[in-house]
Amino acid sequence: EDKAGWYLDQLKSKGMKVQAPSPEL
């Protein structure tokens, strides 16, 4: 629970596009 958000932040910091799915997806 504590680290779930941290991992997504790490992906962002490495240049990945982290986003919610579109309504269609």
PDBML (XML) file of the C-alpha atoms, coordinates in Angstrom:
<?xml version="1.0" encoding="UTF-8" ?>
<PDBx:datablock datablockName="MODEL"
   xmlns:PDBx="http://pdbml.pdb.org/schema/pdbx-v50.xsd"
   xmlns:xsi="http://www.w3.org/2001/XMLSchema-instance"
   xsi:schemaLocation="http://pdbml.pdb.org/schema/pdbx-v50.xsd pdbx-v50.xsd">
   <PDBx:atom_siteCategory>
      <PDBx:atom_site id="1">
         <PDBx:B_iso_or_equiv>0.00</PDBx:B_iso_or_equiv>
         <PDBx:Cartn_x>0.000</PDBx:Cartn_x>
         <PDBx:Cartn_y>0.000</PDBx:Cartn_y>
         <PDBx:Cartn_z>0.000</PDBx:Cartn_z>
         <PDBx:auth_asym_id>A</PDBx:auth_asym_id>
         <PDBx:auth_atom_id>CA</PDBx:auth_atom_id>
         <PDBx:auth_comp_id>GLU</PDBx:auth_comp_id>
         <PDBx:auth_seq_id>1</PDBx:auth_seq_id>
         <PDBx:group_PDB>ATOM</PDBx:group_PDB>
         <PDBx:label_alt_id xsi:nil="true" />
         <PDBx:label_asym_id>A</PDBx:label_asym_id>
         <PDBx:label_atom_id>CA</PDBx:label_atom_id>
         <PDBx:label_comp_id>GLU</PDBx:label_comp_id>
         <PDBx:label_entity_id>1</PDBx:label_entity_id>
         <PDBx:label_seq_id>1</PDBx:label_seq_id>
         <PDBx:occupancy>1.00</PDBx:occupancy>
         <PDBx:pdbx_PDB_model_num>1</PDBx:pdbx_PDB_model_num>
         <PDBx:type_symbol>C</PDBx:type_symbol>
      </PDBx:atom_site>
      <PDBx:atom_site id="2">
         <PDBx:B_iso_or_equiv>0.00</PDBx:B_iso_or_equiv>
         <PDBx:Cartn_x>2.841</PDBx:Cartn_x>
         <PDBx:Cartn_y>2.370</PDBx:Cartn_y>
         <PDBx:Cartn_z>0.888</PDBx:Cartn_z>
         <PDBx:auth_asym_id>A</PDBx:auth_asym_id>
         <PDBx:auth_atom_id>CA</PDBx:auth_atom_id>
         <PDBx:auth_comp_id>ASP</PDBx:auth_comp_id>
         <PDBx:auth_seq_id>2</PDBx:auth_seq_id>
         <PDBx:group_PDB>ATOM</PDBx:group_PDB>
         <PDBx:label_alt_id xsi:nil="true" />
         <PDBx:label_asym_id>A</PDBx:label_asym_id>
         <PDBx:label_atom_id>CA</PDBx:label_atom_id>
         <PDBx:label_comp_id>ASP</PDBx:label_comp_id>
         <PDBx:label_entity_id>1</PDBx:label_entity_id>
         <PDBx:label_seq_id>2</PDBx:label_seq_id>
         <PDBx:occupancy>1.00</PDBx:occupancy>
         <PDBx:pdbx_PDB_model_num>1</PDBx:pdbx_PDB_model_num>
         <PDBx:type_symbol>C</PDBx:type_symbol>
      </PDBx:atom_site>
      <PDBx:atom_site id="3">
         <PDBx:B_iso_or_equiv>0.00</PDBx:B_iso_or_equiv>
         <PDBx:Cartn_x>4.901</PDBx:Cartn_x>
         <PDBx:Cartn_y>1.619</PDBx:Cartn_y>
         <PDBx:Cartn_z>-2.219</PDBx:Cartn_z>
         <PDBx:auth_asym_id>A</PDBx:auth_asym_id>
         <PDBx:auth_atom_id>CA</PDBx:auth_atom_id>
         <PDBx:auth_comp_id>LYS</PDBx:auth_comp_id>
         <PDBx:auth_seq_id>3</PDBx:auth_seq_id>
         <PDBx:group_PDB>ATOM</PDBx:group_PDB>
         <PDBx:label_alt_id xsi:nil="true" />
         <PDBx:label_asym_id>A</PDBx:label_asym_id>
         <PDBx:label_atom_id>CA</PDBx:label_atom_id>
         <PDBx:label_comp_id>LYS</PDBx:label_comp_id>
         <PDBx:label_entity_id>1</PDBx:label_entity_id>
         <PDBx:label_seq_id>3</PDBx:label_seq_id>
         <PDBx:occupancy>1.00</PDBx:occupancy>
         <PDBx:pdbx_PDB_model_num>1</PDBx:pdbx_PDB_model_num>
         <PDBx:type_symbol>C</PDBx:type_symbol>
      </PDBx:atom_site>
      <PDBx:atom_site id="4">
         <PDBx:B_iso_or_equiv>0.00</PDBx:B_iso_or_equiv>
         <PDBx:Cartn_x>2.255</PDBx:Cartn_x>
         <PDBx:Cartn_y>1.333</PDBx:Cartn_y>
         <PDBx:Cartn_z>-4.955</PDBx:Cartn_z>
         <PDBx:auth_asym_id>A</PDBx:auth_asym_id>
         <PDBx:auth_atom_id>CA</PDBx:auth_atom_id>
         <PDBx:auth_comp_id>ALA</PDBx:auth_comp_id>
         <PDBx:auth_seq_id>4</PDBx:auth_seq_id>
         <PDBx:group_PDB>ATOM</PDBx:group_PDB>
         <PDBx:label_alt_id xsi:nil="true" />
         <PDBx:label_asym_id>A</PDBx:label_asym_id>
         <PDBx:label_atom_id>CA</PDBx:label_atom_id>
         <PDBx:label_comp_id>ALA</PDBx:label_comp_id>
         <PDBx:label_entity_id>1</PDBx:label_entity_id>
         <PDBx:label_seq_id>4</PDBx:label_seq_id>
         <PDBx:occupancy>1.00</PDBx:occupancy>
         <PDBx:pdbx_PDB_model_num>1</PDBx:pdbx_PDB_model_num>
         <PDBx:type_symbol>C</PDBx:type_symbol>
      </PDBx:atom_site>
      <PDBx:atom_site id="5">
         <PDBx:B_iso_or_equiv>0.00</PDBx:B_iso_or_equiv>
         <PDBx:Cartn_x>2.307</PDBx:Cartn_x>
         <PDBx:Cartn_y>5.078</PDBx:Cartn_y>
         <PDBx:Cartn_z>-5.679</PDBx:Cartn_z>
         <PDBx:auth_asym_id>A</PDBx:auth_asym_id>
         <PDBx:auth_atom_id>CA</PDBx:auth_atom_id>
         <PDBx:auth_comp_id>GLY</PDBx:auth_comp_id>
         <PDBx:auth_seq_id>5</PDBx:auth_seq_id>
         <PDBx:group_PDB>ATOM</PDBx:group_PDB>
         <PDBx:label_alt_id xsi:nil="true" />
         <PDBx:label_asym_id>A</PDBx:label_asym_id>
         <PDBx:label_atom_id>CA</PDBx:label_atom_id>
         <PDBx:label_comp_id>GLY</PDBx:label_comp_id>
         <PDBx:label_entity_id>1</PDBx:label_entity_id>
         <PDBx:label_seq_id>5</PDBx:label_seq_id>
         <PDBx:occupancy>1.00</PDBx:occupancy>
         <PDBx:pdbx_PDB_model_num>1</PDBx:pdbx_PDB_model_num>
         <PDBx:type_symbol>C</PDBx:type_symbol>
      </PDBx:atom_site>
      <PDBx:atom_site id="6">
         <PDBx:B_iso_or_equiv>0.00</PDBx:B_iso_or_equiv>
         <PDBx:Cartn_x>6.088</PDBx:Cartn_x>
         <PDBx:Cartn_y>5.218</PDBx:Cartn_y>
         <PDBx:Cartn_z>-5.350</PDBx:Cartn_z>
         <PDBx:auth_asym_id>A</PDBx:auth_asym_id>
         <PDBx:auth_atom_id>CA</PDBx:auth_atom_id>
         <PDBx:auth_comp_id>TRP</PDBx:auth_comp_id>
         <PDBx:auth_seq_id>6</PDBx:auth_seq_id>
         <PDBx:group_PDB>ATOM</PDBx:group_PDB>
         <PDBx:label_alt_id xsi:nil="true" />
         <PDBx:label_asym_id>A</PDBx:label_asym_id>
         <PDBx:label_atom_id>CA</PDBx:label_atom_id>
         <PDBx:label_comp_id>TRP</PDBx:label_comp_id>
         <PDBx:label_entity_id>1</PDBx:label_entity_id>
         <PDBx:label_seq_id>6</PDBx:label_seq_id>
         <PDBx:occupancy>1.00</PDBx:occupancy>
         <PDBx:pdbx_PDB_model_num>1</PDBx:pdbx_PDB_model_num>
         <PDBx:type_symbol>C</PDBx:type_symbol>
      </PDBx:atom_site>
      <PDBx:atom_site id="7">
         <PDBx:B_iso_or_equiv>0.00</PDBx:B_iso_or_equiv>
         <PDBx:Cartn_x>6.502</PDBx:Cartn_x>
         <PDBx:Cartn_y>2.706</PDBx:Cartn_y>
         <PDBx:Cartn_z>-8.167</PDBx:Cartn_z>
         <PDBx:auth_asym_id>A</PDBx:auth_asym_id>
         <PDBx:auth_atom_id>CA</PDBx:auth_atom_id>
         <PDBx:auth_comp_id>TYR</PDBx:auth_comp_id>
         <PDBx:auth_seq_id>7</PDBx:auth_seq_id>
         <PDBx:group_PDB>ATOM</PDBx:group_PDB>
         <PDBx:label_alt_id xsi:nil="true" />
         <PDBx:label_asym_id>A</PDBx:label_asym_id>
         <PDBx:label_atom_id>CA</PDBx:label_atom_id>
         <PDBx:label_comp_id>TYR</PDBx:label_comp_id>
         <PDBx:label_entity_id>1</PDBx:label_entity_id>
         <PDBx:label_seq_id>7</PDBx:label_seq_id>
         <PDBx:occupancy>1.00</PDBx:occupancy>
         <PDBx:pdbx_PDB_model_num>1</PDBx:pdbx_PDB_model_num>
         <PDBx:type_symbol>C</PDBx:type_symbol>
      </PDBx:atom_site>
      <PDBx:atom_site id="8">
         <PDBx:B_iso_or_equiv>0.00</PDBx:B_iso_or_equiv>
         <PDBx:Cartn_x>4.326</PDBx:Cartn_x>
         <PDBx:Cartn_y>4.767</PDBx:Cartn_y>
         <PDBx:Cartn_z>-10.505</PDBx:Cartn_z>
         <PDBx:auth_asym_id>A</PDBx:auth_asym_id>
         <PDBx:auth_atom_id>CA</PDBx:auth_atom_id>
         <PDBx:auth_comp_id>LEU</PDBx:auth_comp_id>
         <PDBx:auth_seq_id>8</PDBx:auth_seq_id>
         <PDBx:group_PDB>ATOM</PDBx:group_PDB>
         <PDBx:label_alt_id xsi:nil="true" />
         <PDBx:label_asym_id>A</PDBx:label_asym_id>
         <PDBx:label_atom_id>CA</PDBx:label_atom_id>
         <PDBx:label_comp_id>LEU</PDBx:label_comp_id>
         <PDBx:label_entity_id>1</PDBx:label_entity_id>
         <PDBx:label_seq_id>8</PDBx:label_seq_id>
         <PDBx:occupancy>1.00</PDBx:occupancy>
         <PDBx:pdbx_PDB_model_num>1</PDBx:pdbx_PDB_model_num>
         <PDBx:type_symbol>C</PDBx:type_symbol>
      </PDBx:atom_site>
      <PDBx:atom_site id="9">
         <PDBx:B_iso_or_equiv>0.00</PDBx:B_iso_or_equiv>
         <PDBx:Cartn_x>6.361</PDBx:Cartn_x>
         <PDBx:Cartn_y>7.864</PDBx:Cartn_y>
         <PDBx:Cartn_z>-9.611</PDBx:Cartn_z>
         <PDBx:auth_asym_id>A</PDBx:auth_asym_id>
         <PDBx:auth_atom_id>CA</PDBx:auth_atom_id>
         <PDBx:auth_comp_id>ASP</PDBx:auth_comp_id>
         <PDBx:auth_seq_id>9</PDBx:auth_seq_id>
         <PDBx:group_PDB>ATOM</PDBx:group_PDB>
         <PDBx:label_alt_id xsi:nil="true" />
         <PDBx:label_asym_id>A</PDBx:label_asym_id>
         <PDBx:label_atom_id>CA</PDBx:label_atom_id>
         <PDBx:label_comp_id>ASP</PDBx:label_comp_id>
         <PDBx:label_entity_id>1</PDBx:label_entity_id>
         <PDBx:label_seq_id>9</PDBx:label_seq_id>
         <PDBx:occupancy>1.00</PDBx:occupancy>
         <PDBx:pdbx_PDB_model_num>1</PDBx:pdbx_PDB_model_num>
         <PDBx:type_symbol>C</PDBx:type_symbol>
      </PDBx:atom_site>
      <PDBx:atom_site id="10">
         <PDBx:B_iso_or_equiv>0.00</PDBx:B_iso_or_equiv>
         <PDBx:Cartn_x>9.524</PDBx:Cartn_x>
         <PDBx:Cartn_y>5.966</PDBx:Cartn_y>
         <PDBx:Cartn_z>-10.519</PDBx:Cartn_z>
         <PDBx:auth_asym_id>A</PDBx:auth_asym_id>
         <PDBx:auth_atom_id>CA</PDBx:auth_atom_id>
         <PDBx:auth_comp_id>GLN</PDBx:auth_comp_id>
         <PDBx:auth_seq_id>10</PDBx:auth_seq_id>
         <PDBx:group_PDB>ATOM</PDBx:group_PDB>
         <PDBx:label_alt_id xsi:nil="true" />
         <PDBx:label_asym_id>A</PDBx:label_asym_id>
         <PDBx:label_atom_id>CA</PDBx:label_atom_id>
         <PDBx:label_comp_id>GLN</PDBx:label_comp_id>
         <PDBx:label_entity_id>1</PDBx:label_entity_id>
         <PDBx:label_seq_id>10</PDBx:label_seq_id>
         <PDBx:occupancy>1.00</PDBx:occupancy>
         <PDBx:pdbx_PDB_model_num>1</PDBx:pdbx_PDB_model_num>
         <PDBx:type_symbol>C</PDBx:type_symbol>
      </PDBx:atom_site>
      <PDBx:atom_site id="11">
         <PDBx:B_iso_or_equiv>0.00</PDBx:B_iso_or_equiv>
         <PDBx:Cartn_x>8.093</PDBx:Cartn_x>
         <PDBx:Cartn_y>5.041</PDBx:Cartn_y>
         <PDBx:Cartn_z>-13.921</PDBx:Cartn_z>
         <PDBx:auth_asym_id>A</PDBx:auth_asym_id>
         <PDBx:auth_atom_id>CA</PDBx:auth_atom_id>
         <PDBx:auth_comp_id>LEU</PDBx:auth_comp_id>
         <PDBx:auth_seq_id>11</PDBx:auth_seq_id>
         <PDBx:group_PDB>ATOM</PDBx:group_PDB>
         <PDBx:label_alt_id xsi:nil="true" />
         <PDBx:label_asym_id>A</PDBx:label_asym_id>
         <PDBx:label_atom_id>CA</PDBx:label_atom_id>
         <PDBx:label_comp_id>LEU</PDBx:label_comp_id>
         <PDBx:label_entity_id>1</PDBx:label_entity_id>
         <PDBx:label_seq_id>11</PDBx:label_seq_id>
         <PDBx:occupancy>1.00</PDBx:occupancy>
         <PDBx:pdbx_PDB_model_num>1</PDBx:pdbx_PDB_model_num>
         <PDBx:type_symbol>C</PDBx:type_symbol>
      </PDBx:atom_site>
      <PDBx:atom_site id="12">
         <PDBx:B_iso_or_equiv>0.00</PDBx:B_iso_or_equiv>
         <PDBx:Cartn_x>7.279</PDBx:Cartn_x>
         <PDBx:Cartn_y>8.714</PDBx:Cartn_y>
         <PDBx:Cartn_z>-14.513</PDBx:Cartn_z>
         <PDBx:auth_asym_id>A</PDBx:auth_asym_id>
         <PDBx:auth_atom_id>CA</PDBx:auth_atom_id>
         <PDBx:auth_comp_id>LYS</PDBx:auth_comp_id>
         <PDBx:auth_seq_id>12</PDBx:auth_seq_id>
         <PDBx:group_PDB>ATOM</PDBx:group_PDB>
         <PDBx:label_alt_id xsi:nil="true" />
         <PDBx:label_asym_id>A</PDBx:label_asym_id>
         <PDBx:label_atom_id>CA</PDBx:label_atom_id>
         <PDBx:label_comp_id>LYS</PDBx:label_comp_id>
         <PDBx:label_entity_id>1</PDBx:label_entity_id>
         <PDBx:label_seq_id>12</PDBx:label_seq_id>
         <PDBx:occupancy>1.00</PDBx:occupancy>
         <PDBx:pdbx_PDB_model_num>1</PDBx:pdbx_PDB_model_num>
         <PDBx:type_symbol>C</PDBx:type_symbol>
      </PDBx:atom_site>
      <PDBx:atom_site id="13">
         <PDBx:B_iso_or_equiv>0.00</PDBx:B_iso_or_equiv>
         <PDBx:Cartn_x>10.755</PDBx:Cartn_x>
         <PDBx:Cartn_y>9.801</PDBx:Cartn_y>
         <PDBx:Cartn_z>-13.461</PDBx:Cartn_z>
         <PDBx:auth_asym_id>A</PDBx:auth_asym_id>
         <PDBx:auth_atom_id>CA</PDBx:auth_atom_id>
         <PDBx:auth_comp_id>SER</PDBx:auth_comp_id>
         <PDBx:auth_seq_id>13</PDBx:auth_seq_id>
         <PDBx:group_PDB>ATOM</PDBx:group_PDB>
         <PDBx:label_alt_id xsi:nil="true" />
         <PDBx:label_asym_id>A</PDBx:label_asym_id>
         <PDBx:label_atom_id>CA</PDBx:label_atom_id>
         <PDBx:label_comp_id>SER</PDBx:label_comp_id>
         <PDBx:label_entity_id>1</PDBx:label_entity_id>
         <PDBx:label_seq_id>13</PDBx:label_seq_id>
         <PDBx:occupancy>1.00</PDBx:occupancy>
         <PDBx:pdbx_PDB_model_num>1</PDBx:pdbx_PDB_model_num>
         <PDBx:type_symbol>C</PDBx:type_symbol>
      </PDBx:atom_site>
      <PDBx:atom_site id="14">
         <PDBx:B_iso_or_equiv>0.00</PDBx:B_iso_or_equiv>
         <PDBx:Cartn_x>12.216</PDBx:Cartn_x>
         <PDBx:Cartn_y>7.436</PDBx:Cartn_y>
         <PDBx:Cartn_z>-16.069</PDBx:Cartn_z>
         <PDBx:auth_asym_id>A</PDBx:auth_asym_id>
         <PDBx:auth_atom_id>CA</PDBx:auth_atom_id>
         <PDBx:auth_comp_id>LYS</PDBx:auth_comp_id>
         <PDBx:auth_seq_id>14</PDBx:auth_seq_id>
         <PDBx:group_PDB>ATOM</PDBx:group_PDB>
         <PDBx:label_alt_id xsi:nil="true" />
         <PDBx:label_asym_id>A</PDBx:label_asym_id>
         <PDBx:label_atom_id>CA</PDBx:label_atom_id>
         <PDBx:label_comp_id>LYS</PDBx:label_comp_id>
         <PDBx:label_entity_id>1</PDBx:label_entity_id>
         <PDBx:label_seq_id>14</PDBx:label_seq_id>
         <PDBx:occupancy>1.00</PDBx:occupancy>
         <PDBx:pdbx_PDB_model_num>1</PDBx:pdbx_PDB_model_num>
         <PDBx:type_symbol>C</PDBx:type_symbol>
      </PDBx:atom_site>
      <PDBx:atom_site id="15">
         <PDBx:B_iso_or_equiv>0.00</PDBx:B_iso_or_equiv>
         <PDBx:Cartn_x>10.232</PDBx:Cartn_x>
         <PDBx:Cartn_y>9.183</PDBx:Cartn_y>
         <PDBx:Cartn_z>-18.785</PDBx:Cartn_z>
         <PDBx:auth_asym_id>A</PDBx:auth_asym_id>
         <PDBx:auth_atom_id>CA</PDBx:auth_atom_id>
         <PDBx:auth_comp_id>GLY</PDBx:auth_comp_id>
         <PDBx:auth_seq_id>15</PDBx:auth_seq_id>
         <PDBx:group_PDB>ATOM</PDBx:group_PDB>
         <PDBx:label_alt_id xsi:nil="true" />
         <PDBx:label_asym_id>A</PDBx:label_asym_id>
         <PDBx:label_atom_id>CA</PDBx:label_atom_id>
         <PDBx:label_comp_id>GLY</PDBx:label_comp_id>
         <PDBx:label_entity_id>1</PDBx:label_entity_id>
         <PDBx:label_seq_id>15</PDBx:label_seq_id>
         <PDBx:occupancy>1.00</PDBx:occupancy>
         <PDBx:pdbx_PDB_model_num>1</PDBx:pdbx_PDB_model_num>
         <PDBx:type_symbol>C</PDBx:type_symbol>
      </PDBx:atom_site>
      <PDBx:atom_site id="16">
         <PDBx:B_iso_or_equiv>0.00</PDBx:B_iso_or_equiv>
         <PDBx:Cartn_x>7.263</PDBx:Cartn_x>
         <PDBx:Cartn_y>6.850</PDBx:Cartn_y>
         <PDBx:Cartn_z>-19.103</PDBx:Cartn_z>
         <PDBx:auth_asym_id>A</PDBx:auth_asym_id>
         <PDBx:auth_atom_id>CA</PDBx:auth_atom_id>
         <PDBx:auth_comp_id>MET</PDBx:auth_comp_id>
         <PDBx:auth_seq_id>16</PDBx:auth_seq_id>
         <PDBx:group_PDB>ATOM</PDBx:group_PDB>
         <PDBx:label_alt_id xsi:nil="true" />
         <PDBx:label_asym_id>A</PDBx:label_asym_id>
         <PDBx:label_atom_id>CA</PDBx:label_atom_id>
         <PDBx:label_comp_id>MET</PDBx:label_comp_id>
         <PDBx:label_entity_id>1</PDBx:label_entity_id>
         <PDBx:label_seq_id>16</PDBx:label_seq_id>
         <PDBx:occupancy>1.00</PDBx:occupancy>
         <PDBx:pdbx_PDB_model_num>1</PDBx:pdbx_PDB_model_num>
         <PDBx:type_symbol>C</PDBx:type_symbol>
      </PDBx:atom_site>
      <PDBx:atom_site id="17">
         <PDBx:B_iso_or_equiv>0.00</PDBx:B_iso_or_equiv>
         <PDBx:Cartn_x>3.774</PDBx:Cartn_x>
         <PDBx:Cartn_y>8.193</PDBx:Cartn_y>
         <PDBx:Cartn_z>-19.754</PDBx:Cartn_z>
         <PDBx:auth_asym_id>A</PDBx:auth_asym_id>
         <PDBx:auth_atom_id>CA</PDBx:auth_atom_id>
         <PDBx:auth_comp_id>LYS</PDBx:auth_comp_id>
         <PDBx:auth_seq_id>17</PDBx:auth_seq_id>
         <PDBx:group_PDB>ATOM</PDBx:group_PDB>
         <PDBx:label_alt_id xsi:nil="true" />
         <PDBx:label_asym_id>A</PDBx:label_asym_id>
         <PDBx:label_atom_id>CA</PDBx:label_atom_id>
         <PDBx:label_comp_id>LYS</PDBx:label_comp_id>
         <PDBx:label_entity_id>1</PDBx:label_entity_id>
         <PDBx:label_seq_id>17</PDBx:label_seq_id>
         <PDBx:occupancy>1.00</PDBx:occupancy>
         <PDBx:pdbx_PDB_model_num>1</PDBx:pdbx_PDB_model_num>
         <PDBx:type_symbol>C</PDBx:type_symbol>
      </PDBx:atom_site>
      <PDBx:atom_site id="18">
         <PDBx:B_iso_or_equiv>0.00</PDBx:B_iso_or_equiv>
         <PDBx:Cartn_x>1.708</PDBx:Cartn_x>
         <PDBx:Cartn_y>7.048</PDBx:Cartn_y>
         <PDBx:Cartn_z>-16.770</PDBx:Cartn_z>
         <PDBx:auth_asym_id>A</PDBx:auth_asym_id>
         <PDBx:auth_atom_id>CA</PDBx:auth_atom_id>
         <PDBx:auth_comp_id>VAL</PDBx:auth_comp_id>
         <PDBx:auth_seq_id>18</PDBx:auth_seq_id>
         <PDBx:group_PDB>ATOM</PDBx:group_PDB>
         <PDBx:label_alt_id xsi:nil="true" />
         <PDBx:label_asym_id>A</PDBx:label_asym_id>
         <PDBx:label_atom_id>CA</PDBx:label_atom_id>
         <PDBx:label_comp_id>VAL</PDBx:label_comp_id>
         <PDBx:label_entity_id>1</PDBx:label_entity_id>
         <PDBx:label_seq_id>18</PDBx:label_seq_id>
         <PDBx:occupancy>1.00</PDBx:occupancy>
         <PDBx:pdbx_PDB_model_num>1</PDBx:pdbx_PDB_model_num>
         <PDBx:type_symbol>C</PDBx:type_symbol>
      </PDBx:atom_site>
      <PDBx:atom_site id="19">
         <PDBx:B_iso_or_equiv>0.00</PDBx:B_iso_or_equiv>
         <PDBx:Cartn_x>-1.964</PDBx:Cartn_x>
         <PDBx:Cartn_y>7.803</PDBx:Cartn_y>
         <PDBx:Cartn_z>-17.257</PDBx:Cartn_z>
         <PDBx:auth_asym_id>A</PDBx:auth_asym_id>
         <PDBx:auth_atom_id>CA</PDBx:auth_atom_id>
         <PDBx:auth_comp_id>GLN</PDBx:auth_comp_id>
         <PDBx:auth_seq_id>19</PDBx:auth_seq_id>
         <PDBx:group_PDB>ATOM</PDBx:group_PDB>
         <PDBx:label_alt_id xsi:nil="true" />
         <PDBx:label_asym_id>A</PDBx:label_asym_id>
         <PDBx:label_atom_id>CA</PDBx:label_atom_id>
         <PDBx:label_comp_id>GLN</PDBx:label_comp_id>
         <PDBx:label_entity_id>1</PDBx:label_entity_id>
         <PDBx:label_seq_id>19</PDBx:label_seq_id>
         <PDBx:occupancy>1.00</PDBx:occupancy>
         <PDBx:pdbx_PDB_model_num>1</PDBx:pdbx_PDB_model_num>
         <PDBx:type_symbol>C</PDBx:type_symbol>
      </PDBx:atom_site>
      <PDBx:atom_site id="20">
         <PDBx:B_iso_or_equiv>0.00</PDBx:B_iso_or_equiv>
         <PDBx:Cartn_x>-5.512</PDBx:Cartn_x>
         <PDBx:Cartn_y>6.697</PDBx:Cartn_y>
         <PDBx:Cartn_z>-16.624</PDBx:Cartn_z>
         <PDBx:auth_asym_id>A</PDBx:auth_asym_id>
         <PDBx:auth_atom_id>CA</PDBx:auth_atom_id>
         <PDBx:auth_comp_id>ALA</PDBx:auth_comp_id>
         <PDBx:auth_seq_id>20</PDBx:auth_seq_id>
         <PDBx:group_PDB>ATOM</PDBx:group_PDB>
         <PDBx:label_alt_id xsi:nil="true" />
         <PDBx:label_asym_id>A</PDBx:label_asym_id>
         <PDBx:label_atom_id>CA</PDBx:label_atom_id>
         <PDBx:label_comp_id>ALA</PDBx:label_comp_id>
         <PDBx:label_entity_id>1</PDBx:label_entity_id>
         <PDBx:label_seq_id>20</PDBx:label_seq_id>
         <PDBx:occupancy>1.00</PDBx:occupancy>
         <PDBx:pdbx_PDB_model_num>1</PDBx:pdbx_PDB_model_num>
         <PDBx:type_symbol>C</PDBx:type_symbol>
      </PDBx:atom_site>
      <PDBx:atom_site id="21">
         <PDBx:B_iso_or_equiv>0.00</PDBx:B_iso_or_equiv>
         <PDBx:Cartn_x>-7.189</PDBx:Cartn_x>
         <PDBx:Cartn_y>4.753</PDBx:Cartn_y>
         <PDBx:Cartn_z>-19.442</PDBx:Cartn_z>
         <PDBx:auth_asym_id>A</PDBx:auth_asym_id>
         <PDBx:auth_atom_id>CA</PDBx:auth_atom_id>
         <PDBx:auth_comp_id>PRO</PDBx:auth_comp_id>
         <PDBx:auth_seq_id>21</PDBx:auth_seq_id>
         <PDBx:group_PDB>ATOM</PDBx:group_PDB>
         <PDBx:label_alt_id xsi:nil="true" />
         <PDBx:label_asym_id>A</PDBx:label_asym_id>
         <PDBx:label_atom_id>CA</PDBx:label_atom_id>
         <PDBx:label_comp_id>PRO</PDBx:label_comp_id>
         <PDBx:label_entity_id>1</PDBx:label_entity_id>
         <PDBx:label_seq_id>21</PDBx:label_seq_id>
         <PDBx:occupancy>1.00</PDBx:occupancy>
         <PDBx:pdbx_PDB_model_num>1</PDBx:pdbx_PDB_model_num>
         <PDBx:type_symbol>C</PDBx:type_symbol>
      </PDBx:atom_site>
      <PDBx:atom_site id="22">
         <PDBx:B_iso_or_equiv>0.00</PDBx:B_iso_or_equiv>
         <PDBx:Cartn_x>-9.452</PDBx:Cartn_x>
         <PDBx:Cartn_y>6.661</PDBx:Cartn_y>
         <PDBx:Cartn_z>-21.822</PDBx:Cartn_z>
         <PDBx:auth_asym_id>A</PDBx:auth_asym_id>
         <PDBx:auth_atom_id>CA</PDBx:auth_atom_id>
         <PDBx:auth_comp_id>SER</PDBx:auth_comp_id>
         <PDBx:auth_seq_id>22</PDBx:auth_seq_id>
         <PDBx:group_PDB>ATOM</PDBx:group_PDB>
         <PDBx:label_alt_id xsi:nil="true" />
         <PDBx:label_asym_id>A</PDBx:label_asym_id>
         <PDBx:label_atom_id>CA</PDBx:label_atom_id>
         <PDBx:label_comp_id>SER</PDBx:label_comp_id>
         <PDBx:label_entity_id>1</PDBx:label_entity_id>
         <PDBx:label_seq_id>22</PDBx:label_seq_id>
         <PDBx:occupancy>1.00</PDBx:occupancy>
         <PDBx:pdbx_PDB_model_num>1</PDBx:pdbx_PDB_model_num>
         <PDBx:type_symbol>C</PDBx:type_symbol>
      </PDBx:atom_site>
      <PDBx:atom_site id="23">
         <PDBx:B_iso_or_equiv>0.00</PDBx:B_iso_or_equiv>
         <PDBx:Cartn_x>-13.199</PDBx:Cartn_x>
         <PDBx:Cartn_y>6.016</PDBx:Cartn_y>
         <PDBx:Cartn_z>-21.369</PDBx:Cartn_z>
         <PDBx:auth_asym_id>A</PDBx:auth_asym_id>
         <PDBx:auth_atom_id>CA</PDBx:auth_atom_id>
         <PDBx:auth_comp_id>PRO</PDBx:auth_comp_id>
         <PDBx:auth_seq_id>23</PDBx:auth_seq_id>
         <PDBx:group_PDB>ATOM</PDBx:group_PDB>
         <PDBx:label_alt_id xsi:nil="true" />
         <PDBx:label_asym_id>A</PDBx:label_asym_id>
         <PDBx:label_atom_id>CA</PDBx:label_atom_id>
         <PDBx:label_comp_id>PRO</PDBx:label_comp_id>
         <PDBx:label_entity_id>1</PDBx:label_entity_id>
         <PDBx:label_seq_id>23</PDBx:label_seq_id>
         <PDBx:occupancy>1.00</PDBx:occupancy>
         <PDBx:pdbx_PDB_model_num>1</PDBx:pdbx_PDB_model_num>
         <PDBx:type_symbol>C</PDBx:type_symbol>
      </PDBx:atom_site>
      <PDBx:atom_site id="24">
         <PDBx:B_iso_or_equiv>0.00</PDBx:B_iso_or_equiv>
         <PDBx:Cartn_x>-13.113</PDBx:Cartn_x>
         <PDBx:Cartn_y>3.888</PDBx:Cartn_y>
         <PDBx:Cartn_z>-24.538</PDBx:Cartn_z>
         <PDBx:auth_asym_id>A</PDBx:auth_asym_id>
         <PDBx:auth_atom_id>CA</PDBx:auth_atom_id>
         <PDBx:auth_comp_id>GLU</PDBx:auth_comp_id>
         <PDBx:auth_seq_id>24</PDBx:auth_seq_id>
         <PDBx:group_PDB>ATOM</PDBx:group_PDB>
         <PDBx:label_alt_id xsi:nil="true" />
         <PDBx:label_asym_id>A</PDBx:label_asym_id>
         <PDBx:label_atom_id>CA</PDBx:label_atom_id>
         <PDBx:label_comp_id>GLU</PDBx:label_comp_id>
         <PDBx:label_entity_id>1</PDBx:label_entity_id>
         <PDBx:label_seq_id>24</PDBx:label_seq_id>
         <PDBx:occupancy>1.00</PDBx:occupancy>
         <PDBx:pdbx_PDB_model_num>1</PDBx:pdbx_PDB_model_num>
         <PDBx:type_symbol>C</PDBx:type_symbol>
      </PDBx:atom_site>
      <PDBx:atom_site id="25">
         <PDBx:B_iso_or_equiv>0.00</PDBx:B_iso_or_equiv>
         <PDBx:Cartn_x>-10.205</PDBx:Cartn_x>
         <PDBx:Cartn_y>1.777</PDBx:Cartn_y>
         <PDBx:Cartn_z>-23.272</PDBx:Cartn_z>
         <PDBx:auth_asym_id>A</PDBx:auth_asym_id>
         <PDBx:auth_atom_id>CA</PDBx:auth_atom_id>
         <PDBx:auth_comp_id>LEU</PDBx:auth_comp_id>
         <PDBx:auth_seq_id>25</PDBx:auth_seq_id>
         <PDBx:group_PDB>ATOM</PDBx:group_PDB>
         <PDBx:label_alt_id xsi:nil="true" />
         <PDBx:label_asym_id>A</PDBx:label_asym_id>
         <PDBx:label_atom_id>CA</PDBx:label_atom_id>
         <PDBx:label_comp_id>LEU</PDBx:label_comp_id>
         <PDBx:label_entity_id>1</PDBx:label_entity_id>
         <PDBx:label_seq_id>25</PDBx:label_seq_id>
         <PDBx:occupancy>1.00</PDBx:occupancy>
         <PDBx:pdbx_PDB_model_num>1</PDBx:pdbx_PDB_model_num>
         <PDBx:type_symbol>C</PDBx:type_symbol>
      </PDBx:atom_site>
   </PDBx:atom_siteCategory>
</PDBx:datablock>
